[in-house]
C-alpha atoms as a PDB file:
ATOM      1  CA  GLN A   1       0.011  -0.005   0.013  1.00  0.00           C
ATOM      2  CA  VAL A   2       1.306   3.481  -0.907  1.00  0.00           C
ATOM      3  CA  ALA A   3       2.190   5.414   2.258  1.00  0.00           C
ATOM      4  CA  THR A   4       3.471   8.715   0.886  1.00  0.00           C
ATOM      5  CA  VAL A   5       4.217  10.185  -2.555  1.00  0.00           C
ATOM      6  CA  THR A   6       7.200  12.477  -3.050  1.00  0.00           C
ATOM      7  CA  GLU A   7       8.691  14.244  -6.075  1.00  0.00           C
ATOM      8  CA  TYR A   8      11.248  11.472  -6.476  1.00  0.00           C
ATOM      9  CA  GLY A   9       9.063   8.416  -5.866  1.00  0.00           C
ATOM     10  CA  ALA A  10       6.630   6.699  -3.511  1.00  0.00           C
ATOM     11  CA  PHE A  11       7.125   5.010  -0.154  1.00  0.00           C
ATOM     12  CA  ILE A  12       5.298   1.669   0.087  1.00  0.00           C
ATOM     13  CA  LYS A  13       4.113  -0.061   3.269  1.00  0.00           C
ATOM     14  CA  ILE A  14       5.003  -3.757   3.126  1.00  0.00           C
ATOM     15  CA  PRO A  15       2.360  -6.045   4.706  1.00  0.00           C
ATOM     16  CA  GLY A  16       3.612  -8.041   7.668  1.00  0.00           C
ATOM     17  CA  CYS A  17       6.636  -5.707   8.095  1.00  0.00           C
ATOM     18  CA  ARG A  18       7.071  -2.361   9.871  1.00  0.00           C
ATOM     19  CA  LYS A  19       9.483  -1.130   7.202  1.00  0.00           C
ATOM     20  CA  GLN A  20       8.641   0.956   4.184  1.00  0.00           C
ATOM     21  CA  GLY A  21      10.450   0.773   0.858  1.00  0.00           C
ATOM     22  CA  LEU A  22      10.952   3.378  -1.841  1.00  0.00           C
ATOM     23  CA  VAL A  23       9.872   2.962  -5.421  1.00  0.00           C
ATOM     24  CA  HIS A  24      11.951   5.518  -7.257  1.00  0.00           C
ATOM     25  CA  ARG A  25      10.200   7.229 -10.147  1.00  0.00           C
ATOM     26  CA  THR A  26      12.560   5.489 -12.577  1.00  0.00           C
ATOM     27  CA  HIS A  27      11.187   2.159 -11.323  1.00  0.00           C
ATOM     28  CA  MET A  28       7.498   3.022 -11.491  1.00  0.00           C
ATOM     29  CA  SER A  29       7.007   2.451 -15.160  1.00  0.00           C
ATOM     30  CA  SER A  30       8.890   1.476 -18.253  1.00  0.00           C
ATOM     31  CA  CYS A  31       7.977   4.944 -19.564  1.00  0.00           C
ATOM     32  CA  ARG A  32       9.505   8.167 -18.197  1.00  0.00           C
ATOM     33  CA  VAL A  33       7.721   9.404 -15.048  1.00  0.00           C
ATOM     34  CA  ASP A  34       8.135  13.115 -14.204  1.00  0.00           C
ATOM     35  CA  LYS A  35       5.546  13.273 -11.393  1.00  0.00           C
ATOM     36  CA  PRO A  36       4.994  10.078  -9.347  1.00  0.00           C
ATOM     37  CA  SER A  37       1.703  11.595  -8.162  1.00  0.00           C
ATOM     38  CA  GLU A  38       0.351  11.006 -11.662  1.00  0.00           C
ATOM     39  CA  ILE A  39       0.979   7.237 -11.325  1.00  0.00           C
ATOM     40  CA  VAL A  40       0.041   6.449  -7.695  1.00  0.00           C
ATOM     41  CA  ASP A  41      -1.952   8.064  -4.856  1.00  0.00           C
ATOM     42  CA  VAL A  42      -1.708   7.587  -1.117  1.00  0.00           C
ATOM     43  CA  GLY A  43      -3.617   4.420  -0.164  1.00  0.00           C
ATOM     44  CA  ASP A  44      -3.319   2.700  -3.592  1.00  0.00           C
ATOM     45  CA  LYS A  45      -2.421  -0.989  -3.482  1.00  0.00           C
ATOM     46  CA  VAL A  46       0.374  -1.868  -5.884  1.00  0.00           C
ATOM     47  CA  TRP A  47       2.535  -4.867  -6.652  1.00  0.00           C
ATOM     48  CA  VAL A  48       6.248  -4.381  -6.036  1.00  0.00           C
ATOM     49  CA  LYS A  49       9.467  -6.350  -6.261  1.00  0.00           C
ATOM     50  CA  LEU A  50      12.403  -5.977  -3.863  1.00  0.00           C
ATOM     51  CA  ILE A  51      15.411  -4.986  -6.000  1.00  0.00           C
ATOM     52  CA  GLY A  52      17.902  -3.798  -3.410  1.00  0.00           C
ATOM     53  CA  LYS A  53      18.768  -3.540   0.300  1.00  0.00           C
ATOM     54  CA  GLU A  54      21.241  -1.025   1.726  1.00  0.00           C
ATOM     55  CA  MET A  55      22.416  -0.341   5.251  1.00  0.00           C
ATOM     56  CA  LYS A  56      22.959   3.382   5.730  1.00  0.00           C
ATOM     57  CA  ASP A  57      23.372   5.038   9.126  1.00  0.00           C
ATOM     58  CA  ASN A  58      22.358   1.799  10.841  1.00  0.00           C
ATOM     59  CA  LYS A  59      19.041   1.843   8.969  1.00  0.00           C
ATOM     60  CA  LEU A  60      17.905  -0.668   6.380  1.00  0.00           C
ATOM     61  CA  LYS A  61      16.793   1.043   3.190  1.00  0.00           C
ATOM     62  CA  LEU A  62      14.704  -1.063   0.753  1.00  0.00           C
ATOM     63  CA  SER A  63      14.566  -0.331  -2.954  1.00  0.00           C
ATOM     64  CA  LEU A  64      11.422  -1.520  -4.739  1.00  0.00           C
ATOM     65  CA  SER A  65      10.272  -1.684  -8.354  1.00  0.00           C
ATOM     66  CA  MET A  66       6.819  -1.556  -9.907  1.00  0.00           C
ATOM     67  CA  LYS A  67       7.877  -1.829 -13.534  1.00  0.00           C
ATOM     68  CA  VAL A  68       9.113  -5.426 -13.347  1.00  0.00           C
ATOM     69  CA  VAL A  69       5.817  -6.662 -11.818  1.00  0.00           C
ATOM     70  CA  ASN A  70       2.468  -7.043 -13.653  1.00  0.00           C
ATOM     71  CA  GLN A  71       0.214  -4.659 -11.715  1.00  0.00           C
ATOM     72  CA  GLY A  72      -2.887  -6.713 -12.538  1.00  0.00           C
ATOM     73  CA  THR A  73      -1.723 -10.179 -11.471  1.00  0.00           C
ATOM     74  CA  GLY A  74       1.405  -9.567  -9.376  1.00  0.00           C
ATOM     75  CA  LYS A  75       3.485 -11.823 -11.644  1.00  0.00           C
ATOM     76  CA  ASP A  76       7.232 -11.085 -11.748  1.00  0.00           C
ATOM     77  CA  LEU A  77       8.013  -9.984 -15.345  1.00  0.00           C
ATOM     78  CA  ASP A  78      11.779 -10.095 -14.776  1.00  0.00           C
ATOM     79  CA  PRO A  79      12.510 -13.269 -12.707  1.00  0.00           C
ATOM     80  CA  ASN A  80      16.256 -13.303 -13.594  1.00  0.00           C
ATOM     81  CA  ASN A  81      16.762  -9.557 -13.110  1.00  0.00           C
ATOM     82  CA  VAL A  82      17.877  -9.094 -16.757  1.00  0.00           C
ATOM     83  CA  SER A  83      16.227  -5.657 -17.220  1.00  0.00           C
ATOM     84  CA  LEU A  84      17.614  -4.440 -13.859  1.00  0.00           C
ATOM     85  CA  ASP A  85      21.134  -5.441 -14.979  1.00  0.00           C
ATOM     86  CA  GLN A  86      20.627  -3.628 -18.277  1.00  0.00           C
ATOM     87  CA  ASP A  87      19.471  -0.460 -16.467  1.00  0.00           C
ATOM     88  CA  GLU A  88      22.573  -0.587 -14.284  1.00  0.00           C
ATOM     89  CA  ARG A  89      24.786  -0.889 -17.390  1.00  0.00           C
ATOM     90  CA  LYS A  90      23.075   2.032 -19.040  1.00  0.00           C
ATOM     91  CA  LYS A  91      23.752   4.188 -15.981  1.00  0.00           C
ATOM     92  CA  ARG A  92      27.428   3.244 -16.054  1.00  0.00           C
ATOM     93  CA  MET A  93      27.850   3.985 -19.767  1.00  0.00           C
ATOM     94  CA  PHE A  94      27.384   7.741 -19.479  1.00  0.00           C
ATOM     95  CA  ARG A  95      30.480   9.331 -18.049  1.00  0.00           C
ATOM     96  CA  ASP A  96      31.574  12.933 -18.114  1.00  0.00           C
ATOM     97  CA  TYR A  97      34.733  13.176 -20.216  1.00  0.00           C
ATOM     98  CA  THR A  98      34.614  16.996 -20.622  1.00  0.00           C
ATOM     99  CA  SER A  99      37.426  17.516 -18.045  1.00  0.00           C
ATOM    100  CA  GLN A 100      39.743  15.273 -19.982  1.00  0.00           C
ATOM    101  CA  LYS A 101      40.954  17.408 -22.895  1.00  0.00           C
ATOM    102  CA  ILE A 102      42.950  15.916 -25.712  1.00  0.00           C
ATOM    103  CA  THR A 103      46.072  17.878 -26.614  1.00  0.00           C
ATOM    104  CA  LEU A 104      47.926  17.336 -29.849  1.00  0.00           C
ATOM    105  CA  GLU A 105      51.063  19.184 -28.847  1.00  0.00           C
ATOM    106  CA  ALA A 106      53.282  16.280 -29.730  1.00  0.00           C
ATOM    107  CA  VAL A 107      52.102  16.347 -33.321  1.00  0.00           C
ATOM    108  CA  LEU A 108      51.729  20.142 -33.578  1.00  0.00           C
ATOM    109  CA  ASN A 109      55.326  20.801 -32.510  1.00  0.00           C
ATOM    110  CA  THR A 110      56.778  18.424 -35.049  1.00  0.00           C
ATOM    111  CA  VAL A 111      58.458  19.468 -38.335  1.00  0.00           C
ATOM    112  CA  CYS A 112      57.953  17.436 -41.490  1.00  0.00           C
ATOM    113  CA  LYS A 113      61.258  16.130 -42.954  1.00  0.00           C
ATOM    114  CA  LYS A 114      59.736  16.029 -46.455  1.00  0.00           C
ATOM    115  CA  CYS A 115      58.375  19.600 -46.871  1.00  0.00           C
ATOM    116  CA  GLY A 116      59.763  21.377 -43.781  1.00  0.00           C
ATOM    117  CA  CYS A 117      56.324  22.589 -42.529  1.00  0.00           C
ATOM    118  CA  LYS A 118      55.173  22.311 -38.904  1.00  0.00           C
ATOM    119  CA  GLY A 119      52.334  20.167 -37.645  1.00  0.00           C
ATOM    120  CA  HIS A 120      52.658  16.746 -39.319  1.00  0.00           C
ATOM    121  CA  PHE A 121      55.033  13.885 -39.936  1.00  0.00           C
ATOM    122  CA  ALA A 122      56.672  12.977 -43.229  1.00  0.00           C
ATOM    123  CA  LYS A 123      54.561   9.832 -43.618  1.00  0.00           C
ATOM    124  CA  GLU A 124      51.422  12.013 -43.342  1.00  0.00           C
ATOM    125  CA  CYS A 125      52.723  14.686 -45.735  1.00  0.00           C
ATOM    126  CA  PHE A 126      50.530  15.486 -48.697  1.00  0.00           C
ATOM    127  CA  VAL A 127      52.806  17.907 -50.551  1.00  0.00           C
ATOM    128  CA  GLN A 128      53.898  16.873 -54.033  1.00  0.00           C
ATOM    129  CA  PRO A 129      57.431  17.704 -54.983  1.00  0.00           C
ATOM    130  CA  GLY A 130      57.434  21.309 -56.152  1.00  0.00           C
ATOM    131  CA  GLY A 131      53.825  21.744 -54.984  1.00  0.00           C
ATOM    132  CA  THR A 132      52.216  24.247 -52.585  1.00  0.00           C
ATOM    133  CA  LYS A 133      53.421  24.201 -48.978  1.00  0.00           C
ATOM    134  CA  TYR A 134      50.985  24.552 -46.122  1.00  0.00           C
ATOM    135  CA  SER A 135      51.640  25.307 -42.450  1.00  0.00           C
ATOM    136  CA  LEU A 136      49.588  25.783 -39.333  1.00  0.00           C
ATOM    137  CA  ILE A 137      47.753  29.042 -38.662  1.00  0.00           C
ATOM    138  CA  PRO A 138      49.479  30.897 -35.791  1.00  0.00           C
ATOM    139  CA  GLU A 139      47.631  31.087 -32.515  1.00  0.00           C
ATOM    140  CA  GLU A 140      46.003  34.328 -31.237  1.00  0.00           C
ATOM    141  CA  GLU A 141      48.967  35.381 -29.109  1.00  0.00           C
ATOM    142  CA  GLU A 142      51.334  35.079 -32.080  1.00  0.00           C
ATOM    143  CA  GLU A 143      48.837  37.017 -34.269  1.00  0.00           C
ATOM    144  CA  GLU A 144      48.766  39.921 -31.870  1.00  0.00           C
ATOM    145  CA  VAL A 145      52.560  40.112 -31.846  1.00  0.00           C
ATOM    146  CA  ALA A 146      52.625  39.822 -35.604  1.00  0.00           C
ATOM    147  CA  GLY A 147      49.787  42.359 -35.898  1.00  0.00           C
ATOM    148  CA  ALA A 148      51.613  44.896 -33.740  1.00  0.00           C
ATOM    149  CA  GLY A 149      54.678  44.522 -35.997  1.00  0.00           C
ATOM    150  CA  CYS A 150      52.534  45.040 -39.128  1.00  0.00           C
ATOM    151  CA  GLU A 151      51.025  48.223 -37.695  1.00  0.00           C
ATOM    152  CA  LYS A 152      54.519  49.652 -37.150  1.00  0.00           C
ATOM    153  CA  ASP A 153      55.357  48.683 -40.736  1.00  0.00           C
ATOM    154  CA  LYS A 154      52.197  50.396 -41.979  1.00  0.00           C
ATOM    155  CA  LYS A 155      53.021  53.600 -40.066  1.00  0.00           C
ATOM    156  CA  THR A 156      56.557  53.803 -41.495  1.00  0.00           C
ATOM    157  CA  SER A 157      55.300  53.019 -45.034  1.00  0.00           C
ATOM    158  CA  LEU A 158      52.607  55.733 -44.683  1.00  0.00           C
ATOM    159  CA  ALA A 159      55.256  58.179 -43.565  1.00  0.00           C
ATOM    160  CA  ASP A 160      57.495  57.174 -46.506  1.00  0.00           C
ATOM    161  CA  ASN A 161      54.527  57.570 -48.929  1.00  0.00           C
ATOM    162  CA  SER A 162      53.663  61.039 -47.633  1.00  0.00           C
ATOM    163  CA  SER A 163      57.278  62.207 -47.900  1.00  0.00           C
ATOM    164  CA  LYS A 164      57.443  60.923 -51.493  1.00  0.00           C
ATOM    165  CA  LYS A 165      54.249  62.769 -52.359  1.00  0.00           C
ATOM    166  CA  ARG A 166      55.701  66.013 -50.996  1.00  0.00           C
ATOM    167  CA  LYS A 167      58.851  65.631 -53.079  1.00  0.00           C
ATOM    168  CA  LYS A 168      56.838  65.358 -56.281  1.00  0.00           C
END
């Protein structure tokens, strides 16, 4: 019998036992459940299966599932716990790899023996003899330094051009 309904699941009173167990919203139905109150109400009688026991702070916590039990007959739909094992594997598959960045510095700092350009090895070189040579685009810091040098060159060339115009 459903004792209480929360936003994350429902607590179930087990007949013949003083303990209550939790049916998490992920174990209420094979479909996604956003609000457990849409599935069960306090006082409803439901069929559940014990899927886990955990001792935490000297208290026994019971995990229950409704989705592996036929709610009409009470028959266990997953007697060998195959679907529970699959659910556990799915949870383990998703890992956060965003903190592990891949750096290609070892390749980027290399110089090709075939064409003399940076960023690749000779065996990966695509330059034909006498063909166009390609190299890596400089990073932002290098561009700023190069850009500052170009601005100085432009100023001196402008000064030279203006003096040439005056002479004419």
